[in-house]
Amino acid sequence: MIGTARVKELFVYKGLQKEKLFSGMIRVMEHLEDAPAGQEREELQAVYHQCIGELVDMAGAYGFEGNLWHAYLTYLLVNDENAFSTACEIVGKVEGTINEIARHDFAILQNLYAYDFAEAERALGAHGMEFVRCYKHVNEQSKTFNKRIRDRICSLAVSLAAAQTVDEFTKDMVDFYHEFGVGKLGLHKAFRVEHGEDGVQIVPVKNIAHVHLDDLVGYEIAKQKLIENTEAFVSGRRANNCLLFGDAGTGKSSSIKGILNQYYERGLRIIELYKHQFQDLNDVVAQIKSRNYKFIIYMDDLSFEDFEVEYKYLKAVIEGGLEKKPDNVLIYATSNRRHLVREKFSDKEERHDDLHTSDTVQEKLSLVNRFGVQIYFGAPDKKEYQQIVRELARKNQVHMPEEELLAEAQKWELSHGGRSGRTAQQFIDYLLGKQ
């Protein structure tokens, strides 16, 4: 047996002890050293078998395979945000006392990778490790990670288990942190904001639409403007907040999703924020401003009625507040309204209510002016709509004479809200459903 009690000596990775599965396995290991018998032995058997079941559940959720105990330990390490891991995320290898403290913790954790469960199972009269030592997943599609991250965690688990020295173990962890990052912000693409008892929380969105810009037919000029601004942002150059406006169903939201998928591996992350959450924006920015990623705060279908005043708060946050907006944060919004805030003729006509009517108009226009890049997505004309239908039919392998395809597409758009990319996709989905 190994001195598993040393787990209590963890410093920067002390948070691992709060994990239920981790603490359950450590409990089993520690008590086996005292040769348990009777009821205590039965309780430890139950804990052990429950832990094995949770490892299998984890494999199903995350798509892990191989030695699931090693994969689980590795999963904890790549998610633990601490002084060492976040420093490595930014600069890679670090020197100084924090490096020595991390090496101390890694020496303890390295023992857990080397633990002999065969001996433990004999002492307990239990079994199960034979099922999770060389696990093969049924479906390689992970519900949590993309394939690249999942495979990298699995390969890292193998490397850590094979490390002969603490130096090798430390180097493997440092390389991962610097390449992929650490924690939820490093391992996920998109996030939403929740306000709970613990304050403002940035929560990963696990099911992301795998939309690519090439999937959006047409709008080449609009897409190029969006790409150029985002490319400058991701590359560390100056970039602007971006507003995508225009007709409904023209691909504004899909373009944002495409940008995320195109630039994720270069460190781009997206946080979706709703209008009623604007009061949380400062807290969100405070949590991300020192991380080694580029963040787009995404506001979908952004618009304000005349009686809503949240737009004034948003103006101050985007530009105009005392605190400078971090260089790693931009705001992207989509809207069907060019000026975001509803305008009325009364804004200009009701002079008896406002002596300075131009100020009233400018107050409403000033929000949209804080978006340095404004990109228009208009409804396609007949020729463009037909081209979209042809291209979508080709990509989805819909085989139909072109004349019949376009005739049916025209009937569809007349009864489904007019010509748009969304209408064309719905028409193709309808045809696919009939096959």
Protein backbone atom coordinates (compact mmCIF):
# COMPACT_ATOMS: atom_id res chain seq x y z
CA MET A 1 0.00 0.00 0.00
CA ILE A 2 1.00 3.65 -0.43
CA GLY A 3 0.65 6.47 2.03
CA THR A 4 -2.66 7.77 0.69
CA ALA A 5 -3.10 9.87 3.85
CA ARG A 6 -0.67 12.30 2.19
CA VAL A 7 -3.58 13.46 0.03
CA LYS A 8 -4.44 15.70 2.99
CA GLU A 9 -1.09 17.43 2.39
CA LEU A 10 -2.12 18.76 -1.03
CA PHE A 11 -1.66 22.51 -1.31
CA VAL A 12 -2.52 24.01 -4.70
CA TYR A 13 -4.59 20.95 -5.64
CA LYS A 14 -6.38 20.76 -2.29
CA GLY A 15 -9.72 21.27 -4.07
CA LEU A 16 -9.60 17.70 -5.42
CA GLN A 17 -10.56 16.44 -1.96
CA LYS A 18 -14.00 18.03 -2.35
CA GLU A 19 -14.85 15.70 -5.25
CA LYS A 20 -17.14 12.89 -4.07
CA LEU A 21 -15.68 10.15 -6.28
CA PHE A 22 -12.12 11.15 -5.44
CA SER A 23 -12.74 11.23 -1.69
CA GLY A 24 -14.59 7.89 -1.89
CA MET A 25 -11.66 6.12 -3.51
CA ILE A 26 -9.20 7.70 -1.07
CA ARG A 27 -11.36 6.51 1.82
CA VAL A 28 -11.21 2.95 0.51
CA MET A 29 -7.44 3.10 0.05
CA GLU A 30 -6.78 4.54 3.50
CA HIS A 31 -8.97 2.09 5.42
CA LEU A 32 -7.54 -0.94 3.64
CA GLU A 33 -4.25 -0.24 5.38
CA ASP A 34 -6.03 -1.02 8.69
CA ALA A 35 -7.29 -4.45 7.48
CA PRO A 36 -11.03 -3.73 7.91
CA ALA A 37 -13.46 -6.51 8.80
CA GLY A 38 -17.15 -7.06 9.42
CA GLN A 39 -19.51 -4.13 8.81
CA GLU A 40 -16.70 -1.71 8.01
CA ARG A 41 -15.48 -4.04 5.28
CA GLU A 42 -18.99 -4.26 3.81
CA GLU A 43 -19.35 -0.47 3.85
CA LEU A 44 -16.04 -0.07 2.04
CA GLN A 45 -17.15 -2.64 -0.54
CA ALA A 46 -20.29 -0.57 -1.18
CA VAL A 47 -18.28 2.63 -1.51
CA TYR A 48 -15.81 1.00 -3.87
CA HIS A 49 -18.51 -0.50 -6.13
CA GLN A 50 -20.32 2.83 -6.23
CA CYS A 51 -17.10 4.54 -7.31
CA ILE A 52 -16.61 2.00 -10.10
CA GLY A 53 -20.16 2.69 -11.30
CA GLU A 54 -19.51 6.44 -11.27
CA LEU A 55 -16.37 5.94 -13.37
CA VAL A 56 -18.48 4.14 -15.97
CA ASP A 57 -21.07 6.93 -15.89
CA MET A 58 -18.27 9.45 -16.40
CA ALA A 59 -17.01 7.54 -19.44
CA GLY A 60 -20.49 7.70 -20.95
CA ALA A 61 -20.82 11.44 -20.38
CA TYR A 62 -17.30 12.47 -21.41
CA GLY A 63 -16.42 9.82 -23.98
CA PHE A 64 -13.34 8.64 -22.05
CA GLU A 65 -11.75 5.25 -22.62
CA GLY A 66 -8.69 3.31 -21.46
CA ASN A 67 -7.99 3.31 -17.72
CA LEU A 68 -10.97 5.26 -16.35
CA TRP A 69 -9.36 5.85 -12.96
CA HIS A 70 -6.43 7.52 -14.67
CA ALA A 71 -8.80 9.44 -16.99
CA TYR A 72 -10.77 10.66 -13.98
CA LEU A 73 -7.66 11.86 -12.13
CA THR A 74 -6.51 13.62 -15.29
CA TYR A 75 -9.94 15.22 -15.73
CA LEU A 76 -9.65 16.65 -12.21
CA LEU A 77 -6.17 18.00 -12.89
CA VAL A 78 -7.08 19.75 -16.15
CA ASN A 79 -10.13 21.35 -14.51
CA ASP A 80 -8.51 22.57 -11.29
CA GLU A 81 -8.07 26.34 -11.50
CA ASN A 82 -5.35 27.29 -9.03
CA ALA A 83 -2.35 29.60 -8.81
CA PHE A 84 -0.12 27.15 -10.67
CA SER A 85 -2.46 26.00 -13.44
CA THR A 86 -3.68 29.49 -14.35
CA ALA A 87 -0.09 30.78 -14.44
CA CYS A 88 0.93 27.96 -16.79
CA GLU A 89 -2.07 28.72 -18.99
CA ILE A 90 -0.63 32.17 -19.67
CA VAL A 91 3.15 31.68 -19.80
CA GLY A 92 3.78 27.93 -19.84
CA LYS A 93 6.57 26.77 -17.56
CA VAL A 94 6.83 28.84 -14.39
CA GLU A 95 9.62 29.23 -11.87
CA GLY A 96 9.66 30.15 -8.22
CA THR A 97 8.05 28.74 -5.12
CA ILE A 98 4.70 27.96 -6.76
CA ASN A 99 6.46 25.53 -9.07
CA GLU A 100 7.99 23.68 -6.11
CA ILE A 101 4.62 23.52 -4.36
CA ALA A 102 3.03 22.05 -7.49
CA ARG A 103 5.80 19.45 -7.76
CA HIS A 104 5.11 18.49 -4.13
CA ASP A 105 1.44 17.91 -5.01
CA PHE A 106 2.27 16.03 -8.20
CA ALA A 107 4.48 13.61 -6.24
CA ILE A 108 1.45 12.73 -4.12
CA LEU A 109 -0.89 12.44 -7.08
CA GLN A 110 1.60 10.35 -9.02
CA ASN A 111 1.18 7.67 -6.36
CA LEU A 112 -2.54 7.55 -7.06
CA TYR A 113 -1.86 6.73 -10.72
CA ALA A 114 0.38 3.85 -9.59
CA TYR A 115 -2.02 2.44 -7.00
CA ASP A 116 -2.45 -1.36 -7.16
CA PHE A 117 -6.18 -1.99 -7.08
CA ALA A 118 -5.69 -5.76 -7.44
CA GLU A 119 -4.33 -5.85 -3.89
CA ALA A 120 -7.17 -3.63 -2.68
CA GLU A 121 -9.82 -5.82 -4.26
CA ARG A 122 -8.36 -8.94 -2.69
CA ALA A 123 -8.42 -7.32 0.73
CA LEU A 124 -12.01 -6.15 0.27
CA GLY A 125 -13.38 -9.18 -1.49
CA ALA A 126 -14.56 -6.74 -4.18
CA HIS A 127 -14.16 -6.45 -7.92
CA GLY A 128 -14.80 -4.03 -10.76
CA MET A 129 -11.44 -2.57 -11.73
CA GLU A 130 -11.14 -5.19 -14.47
CA PHE A 131 -14.03 -3.42 -16.24
CA VAL A 132 -12.59 0.09 -16.10
CA ARG A 133 -8.88 -0.64 -16.50
CA CYS A 134 -9.12 -0.97 -20.31
CA TYR A 135 -12.53 0.52 -21.01
CA LYS A 136 -13.89 0.76 -24.56
CA HIS A 137 -16.65 3.32 -25.05
CA VAL A 138 -19.80 2.44 -26.97
CA ASN A 139 -20.21 5.82 -28.64
CA GLU A 140 -17.20 8.04 -29.16
CA GLN A 141 -19.39 11.15 -29.34
CA SER A 142 -18.77 13.05 -26.12
CA LYS A 143 -21.63 15.03 -24.65
CA THR A 144 -19.23 17.38 -22.91
CA PHE A 145 -16.00 17.83 -24.87
CA ASN A 146 -15.15 18.09 -28.50
CA LYS A 147 -13.15 15.18 -29.89
CA ARG A 148 -9.83 17.04 -29.83
CA ILE A 149 -10.05 17.87 -26.11
CA ARG A 150 -11.38 14.44 -25.15
CA ASP A 151 -8.63 12.60 -27.01
CA ARG A 152 -5.99 14.90 -25.52
CA ILE A 153 -7.23 14.18 -21.98
CA CYS A 154 -7.13 10.44 -22.65
CA SER A 155 -3.59 10.63 -24.07
CA LEU A 156 -2.48 12.83 -21.17
CA ALA A 157 -3.82 10.19 -18.75
CA VAL A 158 -1.59 7.60 -20.41
CA SER A 159 1.44 9.91 -20.25
CA LEU A 160 0.93 10.78 -16.59
CA ALA A 161 0.54 7.13 -15.63
CA ALA A 162 3.76 6.29 -17.49
CA ALA A 163 5.78 9.20 -16.05
CA GLN A 164 8.87 7.87 -14.29
CA THR A 165 9.68 11.06 -12.40
CA VAL A 166 7.92 14.08 -10.96
CA ASP A 167 9.72 16.19 -13.58
CA GLU A 168 8.07 14.22 -16.39
CA PHE A 169 4.68 14.45 -14.68
CA THR A 170 5.06 18.20 -14.19
CA LYS A 171 6.12 18.81 -17.78
CA ASP A 172 3.09 16.94 -19.13
CA MET A 173 0.75 19.05 -17.03
CA VAL A 174 2.47 22.33 -17.90
CA ASP A 175 2.32 21.52 -21.63
CA PHE A 176 -1.40 20.77 -21.42
CA TYR A 177 -2.22 23.93 -19.48
CA HIS A 178 -0.30 26.11 -21.91
CA GLU A 179 -1.78 24.47 -25.01
CA PHE A 180 -5.41 24.04 -23.93
CA GLY A 181 -5.87 26.12 -20.81
CA VAL A 182 -7.46 25.02 -17.56
CA GLY A 183 -10.95 24.62 -16.18
CA LYS A 184 -14.27 25.34 -17.82
CA LEU A 185 -12.99 28.34 -19.79
CA GLY A 186 -10.17 26.29 -21.25
CA LEU A 187 -12.10 23.17 -22.15
CA HIS A 188 -15.43 24.55 -23.42
CA LYS A 189 -16.43 26.77 -26.32
CA ALA A 190 -19.54 28.60 -25.22
CA PHE A 191 -21.10 29.72 -21.97
CA ARG A 192 -24.22 31.25 -20.52
CA VAL A 193 -24.62 33.37 -17.40
CA GLU A 194 -26.56 32.30 -14.32
CA HIS A 195 -27.22 34.29 -11.19
CA GLY A 196 -27.49 32.04 -8.14
CA GLU A 197 -26.81 32.07 -4.44
CA ASP A 198 -23.07 32.27 -5.10
CA GLY A 199 -23.45 35.30 -7.34
CA VAL A 200 -22.82 35.48 -11.08
CA GLN A 201 -21.72 32.15 -12.55
CA ILE A 202 -20.35 31.48 -16.04
CA VAL A 203 -21.75 28.07 -16.99
CA PRO A 204 -20.58 25.93 -19.95
CA VAL A 205 -23.04 25.21 -22.76
CA LYS A 206 -22.41 21.55 -23.54
CA ASN A 207 -24.45 21.03 -26.71
CA ILE A 208 -23.11 23.41 -29.34
CA ALA A 209 -24.45 23.60 -32.88
CA HIS A 210 -21.60 22.61 -35.19
CA VAL A 211 -22.23 25.40 -37.68
CA HIS A 212 -19.46 26.55 -39.98
CA LEU A 213 -19.34 29.71 -42.04
CA ASP A 214 -19.20 27.63 -45.21
CA ASP A 215 -22.62 26.27 -44.30
CA LEU A 216 -24.07 29.77 -44.69
CA VAL A 217 -24.71 30.15 -48.40
CA GLY A 218 -24.29 33.65 -49.78
CA TYR A 219 -23.57 36.80 -47.76
CA GLU A 220 -19.90 36.60 -48.72
CA ILE A 221 -19.22 40.30 -48.14
CA ALA A 222 -20.95 40.25 -44.77
CA LYS A 223 -19.10 37.11 -43.68
CA GLN A 224 -15.78 38.57 -44.79
CA LYS A 225 -16.29 41.69 -42.66
CA LEU A 226 -17.09 39.49 -39.67
CA ILE A 227 -14.04 37.30 -40.29
CA GLU A 228 -11.70 40.27 -40.67
CA ASN A 229 -12.81 41.83 -37.38
CA THR A 230 -12.63 38.52 -35.50
CA GLU A 231 -9.26 37.61 -37.04
CA ALA A 232 -7.81 40.91 -35.83
CA PHE A 233 -9.25 40.30 -32.35
CA VAL A 234 -7.94 36.74 -32.03
CA SER A 235 -4.53 37.82 -33.38
CA GLY A 236 -4.18 40.46 -30.67
CA ARG A 237 -4.74 43.45 -32.95
CA ARG A 238 -7.28 46.23 -32.44
CA ALA A 239 -10.86 45.20 -33.20
CA ASN A 240 -14.35 46.60 -32.77
CA ASN A 241 -17.60 45.61 -31.15
CA CYS A 242 -19.78 44.19 -33.90
CA LEU A 243 -23.50 44.47 -34.71
CA LEU A 244 -25.12 42.11 -37.20
CA PHE A 245 -28.49 43.54 -38.21
CA GLY A 246 -31.08 42.90 -40.88
CA ASP A 247 -34.02 40.73 -41.82
CA ALA A 248 -35.07 37.69 -39.82
CA GLY A 249 -33.74 34.30 -40.87
CA THR A 250 -30.79 35.63 -42.84
CA GLY A 251 -28.03 33.88 -40.90
CA LYS A 252 -26.92 36.45 -38.32
CA SER A 253 -26.92 34.06 -35.37
CA SER A 254 -25.55 31.24 -37.52
CA SER A 255 -22.63 33.46 -38.50
CA ILE A 256 -21.73 34.00 -34.83
CA LYS A 257 -21.81 30.24 -34.22
CA GLY A 258 -19.65 29.73 -37.31
CA ILE A 259 -17.11 32.25 -36.03
CA LEU A 260 -16.92 30.40 -32.72
CA ASN A 261 -16.26 27.05 -34.37
CA GLN A 262 -13.69 28.57 -36.73
CA TYR A 263 -11.63 30.33 -34.05
CA TYR A 264 -12.16 28.17 -30.97
CA GLU A 265 -8.82 26.39 -31.29
CA ARG A 266 -7.10 29.78 -31.40
CA GLY A 267 -8.52 30.70 -28.02
CA LEU A 268 -11.89 32.27 -28.85
CA ARG A 269 -14.73 31.77 -26.38
CA ILE A 270 -18.31 33.08 -26.44
CA ILE A 271 -20.48 34.02 -23.48
CA GLU A 272 -24.17 34.50 -24.24
CA LEU A 273 -25.87 37.25 -22.27
CA TYR A 274 -29.54 38.24 -22.28
CA LYS A 275 -31.03 41.67 -21.92
CA HIS A 276 -32.26 41.10 -18.36
CA GLN A 277 -28.70 40.13 -17.34
CA PHE A 278 -26.99 43.40 -18.22
CA GLN A 279 -26.56 44.18 -14.53
CA ASP A 280 -24.26 41.13 -14.36
CA LEU A 281 -22.00 42.28 -17.18
CA ASN A 282 -19.40 43.91 -14.96
CA ASP A 283 -19.12 40.74 -12.85
CA VAL A 284 -18.73 38.61 -15.98
CA VAL A 285 -15.96 40.84 -17.31
CA ALA A 286 -14.19 40.75 -13.93
CA GLN A 287 -14.08 36.93 -14.09
CA ILE A 288 -12.60 36.75 -17.61
CA LYS A 289 -10.37 39.78 -18.02
CA SER A 290 -7.22 38.08 -16.68
CA ARG A 291 -7.62 34.79 -18.58
CA ASN A 292 -5.56 33.79 -21.59
CA TYR A 293 -8.48 33.68 -24.03
CA LYS A 294 -10.38 36.05 -26.26
CA PHE A 295 -14.01 36.45 -25.22
CA ILE A 296 -16.98 37.56 -27.27
CA ILE A 297 -19.96 38.55 -25.14
CA TYR A 298 -22.83 37.61 -27.43
CA MET A 299 -26.26 39.25 -27.33
CA ASP A 300 -28.75 37.61 -29.66
CA ASP A 301 -31.82 39.39 -31.06
CA LEU A 302 -30.97 42.57 -29.20
CA SER A 303 -33.61 45.30 -29.27
CA PHE A 304 -35.34 47.65 -26.87
CA GLU A 305 -38.83 49.01 -26.71
CA ASP A 306 -39.33 52.71 -26.09
CA PHE A 307 -40.13 52.18 -22.41
CA GLU A 308 -37.08 49.99 -21.71
CA VAL A 309 -34.05 51.76 -20.30
CA GLU A 310 -31.55 48.88 -20.12
CA TYR A 311 -29.92 50.24 -23.27
CA LYS A 312 -28.57 53.17 -21.25
CA TYR A 313 -26.80 50.75 -18.91
CA LEU A 314 -25.38 48.83 -21.85
CA LYS A 315 -24.02 52.03 -23.37
CA ALA A 316 -22.07 52.80 -20.23
CA VAL A 317 -20.63 49.28 -20.05
CA ILE A 318 -19.54 49.15 -23.71
CA GLU A 319 -17.88 52.56 -23.64
CA GLY A 320 -18.01 55.48 -21.33
CA GLY A 321 -17.46 53.94 -17.90
CA LEU A 322 -14.46 54.75 -15.77
CA GLU A 323 -12.94 51.28 -16.10
CA LYS A 324 -11.37 50.47 -19.46
CA LYS A 325 -12.85 47.46 -21.23
CA PRO A 326 -10.28 44.63 -21.25
CA ASP A 327 -8.44 43.98 -24.51
CA ASN A 328 -9.59 40.34 -24.50
CA VAL A 329 -13.31 41.18 -24.53
CA LEU A 330 -15.58 42.28 -27.38
CA ILE A 331 -19.35 42.52 -27.69
CA TYR A 332 -21.12 40.99 -30.69
CA ALA A 333 -24.87 41.46 -31.07
CA THR A 334 -27.53 40.50 -33.59
CA SER A 335 -30.73 42.43 -34.16
CA ASN A 336 -33.54 42.85 -36.64
CA ARG A 337 -33.45 46.57 -35.87
CA ARG A 338 -30.85 48.82 -37.38
CA HIS A 339 -30.83 51.20 -34.43
CA LEU A 340 -31.65 48.65 -31.69
CA VAL A 341 -33.98 51.05 -29.85
CA ARG A 342 -37.49 51.59 -31.20
CA GLU A 343 -37.88 55.01 -32.76
CA LYS A 344 -41.13 56.91 -33.20
CA PHE A 345 -42.06 60.00 -35.19
CA SER A 346 -43.10 61.46 -31.87
CA ASP A 347 -39.42 61.62 -30.93
CA LYS A 348 -39.15 64.45 -33.44
CA GLU A 349 -42.67 65.84 -33.34
CA GLU A 350 -43.46 66.17 -29.64
CA ARG A 351 -41.55 69.39 -29.14
CA HIS A 352 -43.75 70.40 -26.24
CA ASP A 353 -42.35 67.42 -24.26
CA ASP A 354 -38.68 68.06 -25.03
CA LEU A 355 -37.14 71.37 -25.89
CA HIS A 356 -34.15 69.62 -27.48
CA THR A 357 -35.68 66.99 -29.74
CA SER A 358 -32.41 66.25 -31.52
CA ASP A 359 -30.97 65.19 -28.17
CA THR A 360 -33.77 62.65 -27.76
CA VAL A 361 -33.00 61.12 -31.15
CA GLN A 362 -29.25 61.12 -30.55
CA GLU A 363 -29.73 59.46 -27.17
CA LYS A 364 -31.26 56.47 -28.95
CA LEU A 365 -28.80 56.41 -31.82
CA SER A 366 -25.78 56.57 -29.54
CA LEU A 367 -26.08 52.89 -28.56
CA VAL A 368 -25.67 51.55 -32.08
CA ASN A 369 -22.79 53.96 -32.65
CA ARG A 370 -20.83 52.11 -29.99
CA PHE A 371 -20.58 49.15 -32.37
CA GLY A 372 -17.65 50.02 -34.60
CA VAL A 373 -18.49 47.31 -37.15
CA GLN A 374 -22.07 47.12 -38.39
CA ILE A 375 -22.90 44.38 -40.89
CA TYR A 376 -26.15 44.19 -42.83
CA PHE A 377 -27.83 40.85 -43.60
CA GLY A 378 -30.66 41.45 -46.04
CA ALA A 379 -33.32 39.10 -47.35
CA PRO A 380 -32.19 37.45 -50.61
CA ASP A 381 -33.79 38.32 -53.91
CA LYS A 382 -35.33 35.58 -56.04
CA LYS A 383 -32.06 34.67 -57.78
CA GLU A 384 -30.12 34.54 -54.50
CA TYR A 385 -32.85 32.50 -52.82
CA GLN A 386 -32.77 29.95 -55.62
CA GLN A 387 -28.99 29.68 -55.33
CA ILE A 388 -29.30 29.05 -51.61
CA VAL A 389 -31.85 26.30 -52.27
CA ARG A 390 -29.63 24.67 -54.91
CA GLU A 391 -26.58 24.71 -52.63
CA LEU A 392 -28.45 23.36 -49.62
CA ALA A 393 -29.98 20.61 -51.75
CA ARG A 394 -26.53 19.66 -53.00
CA LYS A 395 -25.01 19.59 -49.50
CA ASN A 396 -27.88 17.50 -48.15
CA GLN A 397 -27.95 15.19 -51.18
CA VAL A 398 -31.51 16.02 -52.13
CA HIS A 399 -31.98 14.57 -55.61
CA MET A 400 -34.73 16.31 -57.54
CA PRO A 401 -34.93 17.88 -61.01
CA GLU A 402 -33.83 21.48 -60.65
CA GLU A 403 -36.93 22.94 -62.23
CA GLU A 404 -39.17 21.00 -59.84
CA LEU A 405 -36.92 21.85 -56.87
CA LEU A 406 -37.09 25.59 -57.52
CA ALA A 407 -40.83 25.52 -58.20
CA GLU A 408 -41.49 23.75 -54.91
CA ALA A 409 -39.11 26.12 -53.11
CA GLN A 410 -41.09 29.09 -54.42
CA LYS A 411 -44.37 27.59 -53.19
CA TRP A 412 -42.76 26.96 -49.83
CA GLU A 413 -41.48 30.49 -49.31
CA LEU A 414 -44.84 32.02 -50.29
CA SER A 415 -46.53 30.15 -47.45
CA HIS A 416 -43.69 30.28 -44.91
CA GLY A 417 -42.78 33.88 -44.33
CA GLY A 418 -40.96 34.88 -47.50
CA ARG A 419 -37.46 34.37 -48.84
CA SER A 420 -34.63 33.84 -46.35
CA GLY A 421 -31.87 31.39 -45.60
CA ARG A 422 -33.94 29.99 -42.76
CA THR A 423 -36.92 29.42 -45.06
CA ALA A 424 -34.66 27.63 -47.56
CA GLN A 425 -33.26 25.37 -44.82
CA GLN A 426 -36.76 24.57 -43.57
CA PHE A 427 -37.77 23.63 -47.11
CA ILE A 428 -34.79 21.29 -47.46
CA ASP A 429 -35.57 19.75 -44.06
CA TYR A 430 -39.11 19.16 -45.28
CA LEU A 431 -37.84 17.35 -48.35
CA LEU A 432 -35.43 15.26 -46.28
CA GLY A 433 -38.28 14.28 -43.99
CA LYS A 434 -40.21 12.89 -46.94
CA GLN A 435 -37.36 10.66 -48.14
